[in-house]
């Protein structure tokens, strides 16, 4: 049995002990984390992209 399959079975058995409310709490936490990450990407994405573009153009011009 692969390690991934064993890990998934282990996680599933641990979550199986959580009934209704516990699973809903985990789902809500996962949704909240996803929303925060998405908001950060929207807010800072262009700045990060600009920084990478500046570094990229500097590195390309460094060898000349």
PDB file of N, CA and C in Angstrom:
ATOM      1  N   UNK A   1       0.850  -1.174   0.000  1.00  0.00           N
ATOM      2  CA  UNK A   1       0.000   0.000   0.000  1.00  0.00           C
ATOM      3  C   UNK A   1       0.896   1.238   0.000  1.00  0.00           C
ATOM      4  N   UNK A   2       0.550   2.204  -0.816  1.00  0.00           N
ATOM      5  CA  UNK A   2       1.402   3.384  -0.917  1.00  0.00           C
ATOM      6  C   UNK A   2       1.304   4.251   0.339  1.00  0.00           C
ATOM      7  N   UNK A   3       2.340   5.042   0.534  1.00  0.00           N
ATOM      8  CA  UNK A   3       2.375   5.918   1.712  1.00  0.00           C
ATOM      9  C   UNK A   3       1.232   6.925   1.673  1.00  0.00           C
ATOM     10  N   UNK A   4       0.918   7.444   0.468  1.00  0.00           N
ATOM     11  CA  UNK A   4      -0.168   8.415   0.342  1.00  0.00           C
ATOM     12  C   UNK A   4      -1.499   7.792   0.733  1.00  0.00           C
ATOM     13  N   UNK A   5      -1.717   6.559   0.288  1.00  0.00           N
ATOM     14  CA  UNK A   5      -2.969   5.884   0.624  1.00  0.00           C
ATOM     15  C   UNK A   5      -3.066   5.657   2.124  1.00  0.00           C
ATOM     16  N   UNK A   6      -1.957   5.250   2.754  1.00  0.00           N
ATOM     17  CA  UNK A   6      -1.952   5.057   4.203  1.00  0.00           C
ATOM     18  C   UNK A   6      -2.230   6.367   4.937  1.00  0.00           C
ATOM     19  N   UNK A   7      -1.630   7.465   4.436  1.00  0.00           N
ATOM     20  CA  UNK A   7      -1.851   8.771   5.051  1.00  0.00           C
ATOM     21  C   UNK A   7      -3.308   9.186   4.946  1.00  0.00           C
ATOM     22  N   UNK A   8      -3.898   9.002   3.759  1.00  0.00           N
ATOM     23  CA  UNK A   8      -5.301   9.366   3.570  1.00  0.00           C
ATOM     24  C   UNK A   8      -6.225   8.539   4.452  1.00  0.00           C
ATOM     25  N   UNK A   9      -5.938   7.245   4.575  1.00  0.00           N
ATOM     26  CA  UNK A   9      -6.748   6.389   5.447  1.00  0.00           C
ATOM     27  C   UNK A   9      -6.606   6.836   6.895  1.00  0.00           C
ATOM     28  N   UNK A  10      -5.397   7.198   7.296  1.00  0.00           N
ATOM     29  CA  UNK A  10      -5.173   7.661   8.665  1.00  0.00           C
ATOM     30  C   UNK A  10      -5.929   8.957   8.941  1.00  0.00           C
ATOM     31  N   UNK A  11      -5.839   9.894   8.005  1.00  0.00           N
ATOM     32  CA  UNK A  11      -6.559  11.162   8.178  1.00  0.00           C
ATOM     33  C   UNK A  11      -8.061  10.943   8.206  1.00  0.00           C
ATOM     34  N   UNK A  12      -8.546  10.077   7.328  1.00  0.00           N
ATOM     35  CA  UNK A  12      -9.982   9.802   7.270  1.00  0.00           C
ATOM     36  C   UNK A  12     -10.472   9.193   8.583  1.00  0.00           C
ATOM     37  N   UNK A  13      -9.672   8.287   9.162  1.00  0.00           N
ATOM     38  CA  UNK A  13     -10.083   7.669  10.417  1.00  0.00           C
ATOM     39  C   UNK A  13     -10.081   8.683  11.559  1.00  0.00           C
ATOM     40  N   UNK A  14      -9.128   9.622  11.527  1.00  0.00           N
ATOM     41  CA  UNK A  14      -9.100  10.655  12.564  1.00  0.00           C
ATOM     42  C   UNK A  14     -10.296  11.581  12.428  1.00  0.00           C
ATOM     43  N   UNK A  15     -10.631  11.950  11.203  1.00  0.00           N
ATOM     44  CA  UNK A  15     -11.785  12.826  10.993  1.00  0.00           C
ATOM     45  C   UNK A  15     -13.091  12.081  11.225  1.00  0.00           C
ATOM     46  N   UNK A  16     -13.067  10.760  11.071  1.00  0.00           N
ATOM     47  CA  UNK A  16     -14.271   9.973  11.290  1.00  0.00           C
ATOM     48  C   UNK A  16     -14.758  10.059  12.725  1.00  0.00           C
ATOM     49  N   UNK A  17     -13.850  10.309  13.652  1.00  0.00           N
ATOM     50  CA  UNK A  17     -14.227  10.454  15.047  1.00  0.00           C
ATOM     51  C   UNK A  17     -14.946  11.758  15.321  1.00  0.00           C
ATOM     52  N   UNK A  18     -14.775  12.713  14.422  1.00  0.00           N
ATOM     53  CA  UNK A  18     -15.457  13.998  14.570  1.00  0.00           C
ATOM     54  C   UNK A  18     -16.823  13.879  13.939  1.00  0.00           C
ATOM     55  N   UNK A  19     -17.823  14.071  14.688  1.00  0.00           N
ATOM     56  CA  UNK A  19     -19.176  13.999  14.148  1.00  0.00           C
ATOM     57  C   UNK A  19     -19.642  15.407  13.809  1.00  0.00           C
ATOM     58  N   UNK A  20     -20.559  15.496  12.885  1.00  0.00           N
ATOM     59  CA  UNK A  20     -21.230  16.705  12.450  1.00  0.00           C
ATOM     60  C   UNK A  20     -20.549  18.029  12.720  1.00  0.00           C
ATOM     61  N   UNK A  21     -20.654  18.495  13.943  1.00  0.00           N
ATOM     62  CA  UNK A  21     -20.174  19.827  14.293  1.00  0.00           C
ATOM     63  C   UNK A  21     -18.674  19.961  14.066  1.00  0.00           C
ATOM     64  N   UNK A  22     -17.892  18.965  14.419  1.00  0.00           N
ATOM     65  CA  UNK A  22     -16.449  19.026  14.246  1.00  0.00           C
ATOM     66  C   UNK A  22     -16.058  19.143  12.784  1.00  0.00           C
ATOM     67  N   UNK A  23     -16.727  18.377  11.923  1.00  0.00           N
ATOM     68  CA  UNK A  23     -16.434  18.447  10.497  1.00  0.00           C
ATOM     69  C   UNK A  23     -16.809  19.799   9.924  1.00  0.00           C
ATOM     70  N   UNK A  24     -17.916  20.360  10.394  1.00  0.00           N
ATOM     71  CA  UNK A  24     -18.332  21.683   9.928  1.00  0.00           C
ATOM     72  C   UNK A  24     -17.311  22.725  10.349  1.00  0.00           C
ATOM     73  N   UNK A  25     -16.782  22.612  11.546  1.00  0.00           N
ATOM     74  CA  UNK A  25     -15.768  23.556  12.010  1.00  0.00           C
ATOM     75  C   UNK A  25     -14.511  23.474  11.158  1.00  0.00           C
ATOM     76  N   UNK A  26     -14.075  22.252  10.828  1.00  0.00           N
ATOM     77  CA  UNK A  26     -12.910  22.090   9.962  1.00  0.00           C
ATOM     78  C   UNK A  26     -13.171  22.692   8.583  1.00  0.00           C
ATOM     79  N   UNK A  27     -14.355  22.469   8.048  1.00  0.00           N
ATOM     80  CA  UNK A  27     -14.703  23.003   6.736  1.00  0.00           C
ATOM     81  C   UNK A  27     -14.716  24.526   6.762  1.00  0.00           C
ATOM     82  N   UNK A  28     -15.285  25.112   7.796  1.00  0.00           N
ATOM     83  CA  UNK A  28     -15.321  26.571   7.905  1.00  0.00           C
ATOM     84  C   UNK A  28     -13.922  27.155   8.041  1.00  0.00           C
ATOM     85  N   UNK A  29     -13.073  26.493   8.799  1.00  0.00           N
ATOM     86  CA  UNK A  29     -11.696  26.945   8.953  1.00  0.00           C
ATOM     87  C   UNK A  29     -10.965  26.889   7.614  1.00  0.00           C
ATOM     88  N   UNK A  30     -11.160  25.825   6.873  1.00  0.00           N
ATOM     89  CA  UNK A  30     -10.544  25.688   5.556  1.00  0.00           C
ATOM     90  C   UNK A  30     -11.032  26.769   4.600  1.00  0.00           C
ATOM     91  N   UNK A  31     -12.321  27.070   4.624  1.00  0.00           N
ATOM     92  CA  UNK A  31     -12.878  28.130   3.775  1.00  0.00           C
ATOM     93  C   UNK A  31     -12.302  29.484   4.178  1.00  0.00           C
ATOM     94  N   UNK A  32     -12.189  29.744   5.455  1.00  0.00           N
ATOM     95  CA  UNK A  32     -11.637  31.005   5.930  1.00  0.00           C
ATOM     96  C   UNK A  32     -10.191  31.179   5.490  1.00  0.00           C
ATOM     97  N   UNK A  33      -9.385  30.148   5.641  1.00  0.00           N
ATOM     98  CA  UNK A  33      -7.985  30.215   5.225  1.00  0.00           C
ATOM     99  C   UNK A  33      -7.895  30.453   3.724  1.00  0.00           C
ATOM    100  N   UNK A  34      -8.722  29.763   2.953  1.00  0.00           N
ATOM    101  CA  UNK A  34      -8.735  29.940   1.499  1.00  0.00           C
ATOM    102  C   UNK A  34      -9.098  31.368   1.125  1.00  0.00           C
ATOM    103  N   UNK A  35     -10.084  31.941   1.792  1.00  0.00           N
ATOM    104  CA  UNK A  35     -10.493  33.320   1.500  1.00  0.00           C
ATOM    105  C   UNK A  35      -9.375  34.302   1.827  1.00  0.00           C
ATOM    106  N   UNK A  36      -8.676  34.103   2.932  1.00  0.00           N
ATOM    107  CA  UNK A  36      -7.580  34.994   3.311  1.00  0.00           C
ATOM    108  C   UNK A  36      -6.443  34.920   2.298  1.00  0.00           C
ATOM    109  N   UNK A  37      -6.089  33.712   1.878  1.00  0.00           N
ATOM    110  CA  UNK A  37      -5.027  33.553   0.885  1.00  0.00           C
ATOM    111  C   UNK A  37      -5.428  34.211  -0.426  1.00  0.00           C
ATOM    112  N   UNK A  38      -6.653  34.016  -0.855  1.00  0.00           N
ATOM    113  CA  UNK A  38      -7.142  34.634  -2.090  1.00  0.00           C
ATOM    114  C   UNK A  38      -7.119  36.154  -1.983  1.00  0.00           C
ATOM    115  N   UNK A  39      -7.561  36.707  -0.858  1.00  0.00           N
ATOM    116  CA  UNK A  39      -7.561  38.162  -0.667  1.00  0.00           C
ATOM    117  C   UNK A  39      -6.137  38.713  -0.696  1.00  0.00           C
ATOM    118  N   UNK A  40      -5.197  37.980  -0.106  1.00  0.00           N
ATOM    119  CA  UNK A  40      -3.807  38.428  -0.129  1.00  0.00           C
ATOM    120  C   UNK A  40      -3.251  38.409  -1.547  1.00  0.00           C
ATOM    121  N   UNK A  41      -3.596  37.399  -2.323  1.00  0.00           N
ATOM    122  CA  UNK A  41      -3.138  37.341  -3.715  1.00  0.00           C
ATOM    123  C   UNK A  41      -3.707  38.491  -4.529  1.00  0.00           C
ATOM    124  N   UNK A  42      -4.965  38.815  -4.300  1.00  0.00           N
ATOM    125  CA  UNK A  42      -5.583  39.931  -5.027  1.00  0.00           C
ATOM    126  C   UNK A  42      -4.946  41.248  -4.603  1.00  0.00           C
ATOM    127  N   UNK A  43      -4.707  41.421  -3.312  1.00  0.00           N
ATOM    128  CA  UNK A  43      -4.182  42.682  -2.804  1.00  0.00           C
ATOM    129  C   UNK A  43      -2.714  42.896  -3.162  1.00  0.00           C
ATOM    130  N   UNK A  44      -1.913  41.856  -3.071  1.00  0.00           N
ATOM    131  CA  UNK A  44      -0.465  42.010  -3.249  1.00  0.00           C
ATOM    132  C   UNK A  44       0.069  41.398  -4.537  1.00  0.00           C
ATOM    133  N   UNK A  45      -0.775  40.786  -5.326  1.00  0.00           N
ATOM    134  CA  UNK A  45      -0.326  40.089  -6.523  1.00  0.00           C
ATOM    135  C   UNK A  45       0.411  40.974  -7.501  1.00  0.00           C
ATOM    136  N   UNK A  46      -0.123  42.151  -7.779  1.00  0.00           N
ATOM    137  CA  UNK A  46       0.510  43.035  -8.751  1.00  0.00           C
ATOM    138  C   UNK A  46       1.850  43.561  -8.234  1.00  0.00           C
ATOM    139  N   UNK A  47       1.919  43.856  -6.951  1.00  0.00           N
ATOM    140  CA  UNK A  47       3.190  44.326  -6.376  1.00  0.00           C
ATOM    141  C   UNK A  47       4.267  43.251  -6.468  1.00  0.00           C
ATOM    142  N   UNK A  48       3.896  42.030  -6.149  1.00  0.00           N
ATOM    143  CA  UNK A  48       4.855  40.925  -6.226  1.00  0.00           C
ATOM    144  C   UNK A  48       5.288  40.718  -7.673  1.00  0.00           C
ATOM    145  N   UNK A  49       4.356  40.781  -8.592  1.00  0.00           N
ATOM    146  CA  UNK A  49       4.682  40.623 -10.002  1.00  0.00           C
ATOM    147  C   UNK A  49       5.637  41.718 -10.463  1.00  0.00           C
ATOM    148  N   UNK A  50       5.387  42.956 -10.059  1.00  0.00           N
ATOM    149  CA  UNK A  50       6.274  44.061 -10.429  1.00  0.00           C
ATOM    150  C   UNK A  50       7.686  43.846  -9.867  1.00  0.00           C
ATOM    151  N   UNK A  51       7.763  43.383  -8.647  1.00  0.00           N
ATOM    152  CA  UNK A  51       9.067  43.128  -8.031  1.00  0.00           C
ATOM    153  C   UNK A  51       9.820  42.055  -8.806  1.00  0.00           C
ATOM    154  N   UNK A  52       9.145  40.975  -9.170  1.00  0.00           N
ATOM    155  CA  UNK A  52       9.794  39.919  -9.947  1.00  0.00           C
ATOM    156  C   UNK A  52      10.239  40.443 -11.311  1.00  0.00           C
ATOM    157  N   UNK A  53       9.439  41.297 -11.931  1.00  0.00           N
ATOM    158  CA  UNK A  53       9.818  41.862 -13.226  1.00  0.00           C
ATOM    159  C   UNK A  53      11.076  42.722 -13.106  1.00  0.00           C
ATOM    160  N   UNK A  54      11.175  43.517 -12.043  1.00  0.00           N
ATOM    161  CA  UNK A  54      12.357  44.361 -11.827  1.00  0.00           C
ATOM    162  C   UNK A  54      13.596  43.487 -11.615  1.00  0.00           C
ATOM    163  N   UNK A  55      13.462  42.463 -10.789  1.00  0.00           N
ATOM    164  CA  UNK A  55      14.589  41.562 -10.535  1.00  0.00           C
ATOM    165  C   UNK A  55      14.974  40.849 -11.821  1.00  0.00           C
ATOM    166  N   UNK A  56      14.006  40.390 -12.570  1.00  0.00           N
ATOM    167  CA  UNK A  56      14.277  39.678 -13.809  1.00  0.00           C
ATOM    168  C   UNK A  56      14.996  40.559 -14.813  1.00  0.00           C
ATOM    169  N   UNK A  57      14.560  41.795 -14.973  1.00  0.00           N
ATOM    170  CA  UNK A  57      15.235  42.684 -15.925  1.00  0.00           C
ATOM    171  C   UNK A  57      16.632  43.053 -15.446  1.00  0.00           C
ATOM    172  N   UNK A  58      16.831  43.170 -14.136  1.00  0.00           N
ATOM    173  CA  UNK A  58      18.153  43.468 -13.597  1.00  0.00           C
ATOM    174  C   UNK A  58      19.124  42.314 -13.815  1.00  0.00           C
ATOM    175  N   UNK A  59      18.649  41.106 -13.629  1.00  0.00           N
ATOM    176  CA  UNK A  59      19.495  39.928 -13.791  1.00  0.00           C
ATOM    177  C   UNK A  59      19.862  39.737 -15.269  1.00  0.00           C
ATOM    178  N   UNK A  60      18.923  39.970 -16.151  1.00  0.00           N
ATOM    179  CA  UNK A  60      19.198  39.820 -17.582  1.00  0.00           C
ATOM    180  C   UNK A  60      20.228  40.836 -18.054  1.00  0.00           C
ATOM    181  N   UNK A  61      20.185  42.043 -17.508  1.00  0.00           N
ATOM    182  CA  UNK A  61      21.122  43.080 -17.914  1.00  0.00           C
ATOM    183  C   UNK A  61      22.469  42.994 -17.208  1.00  0.00           C
ATOM    184  N   UNK A  62      22.605  42.145 -16.217  1.00  0.00           N
ATOM    185  CA  UNK A  62      23.825  42.085 -15.412  1.00  0.00           C
ATOM    186  C   UNK A  62      24.997  41.474 -16.187  1.00  0.00           C
ATOM    187  N   UNK A  63      24.735  40.604 -17.127  1.00  0.00           N
ATOM    188  CA  UNK A  63      25.816  39.931 -17.827  1.00  0.00           C
ATOM    189  C   UNK A  63      26.406  40.720 -18.985  1.00  0.00           C
ATOM    190  N   UNK A  64      25.864  41.852 -19.273  1.00  0.00           N
ATOM    191  CA  UNK A  64      26.337  42.621 -20.437  1.00  0.00           C
ATOM    192  C   UNK A  64      27.474  43.518 -20.113  1.00  0.00           C
TER     193      UNK A  64
END
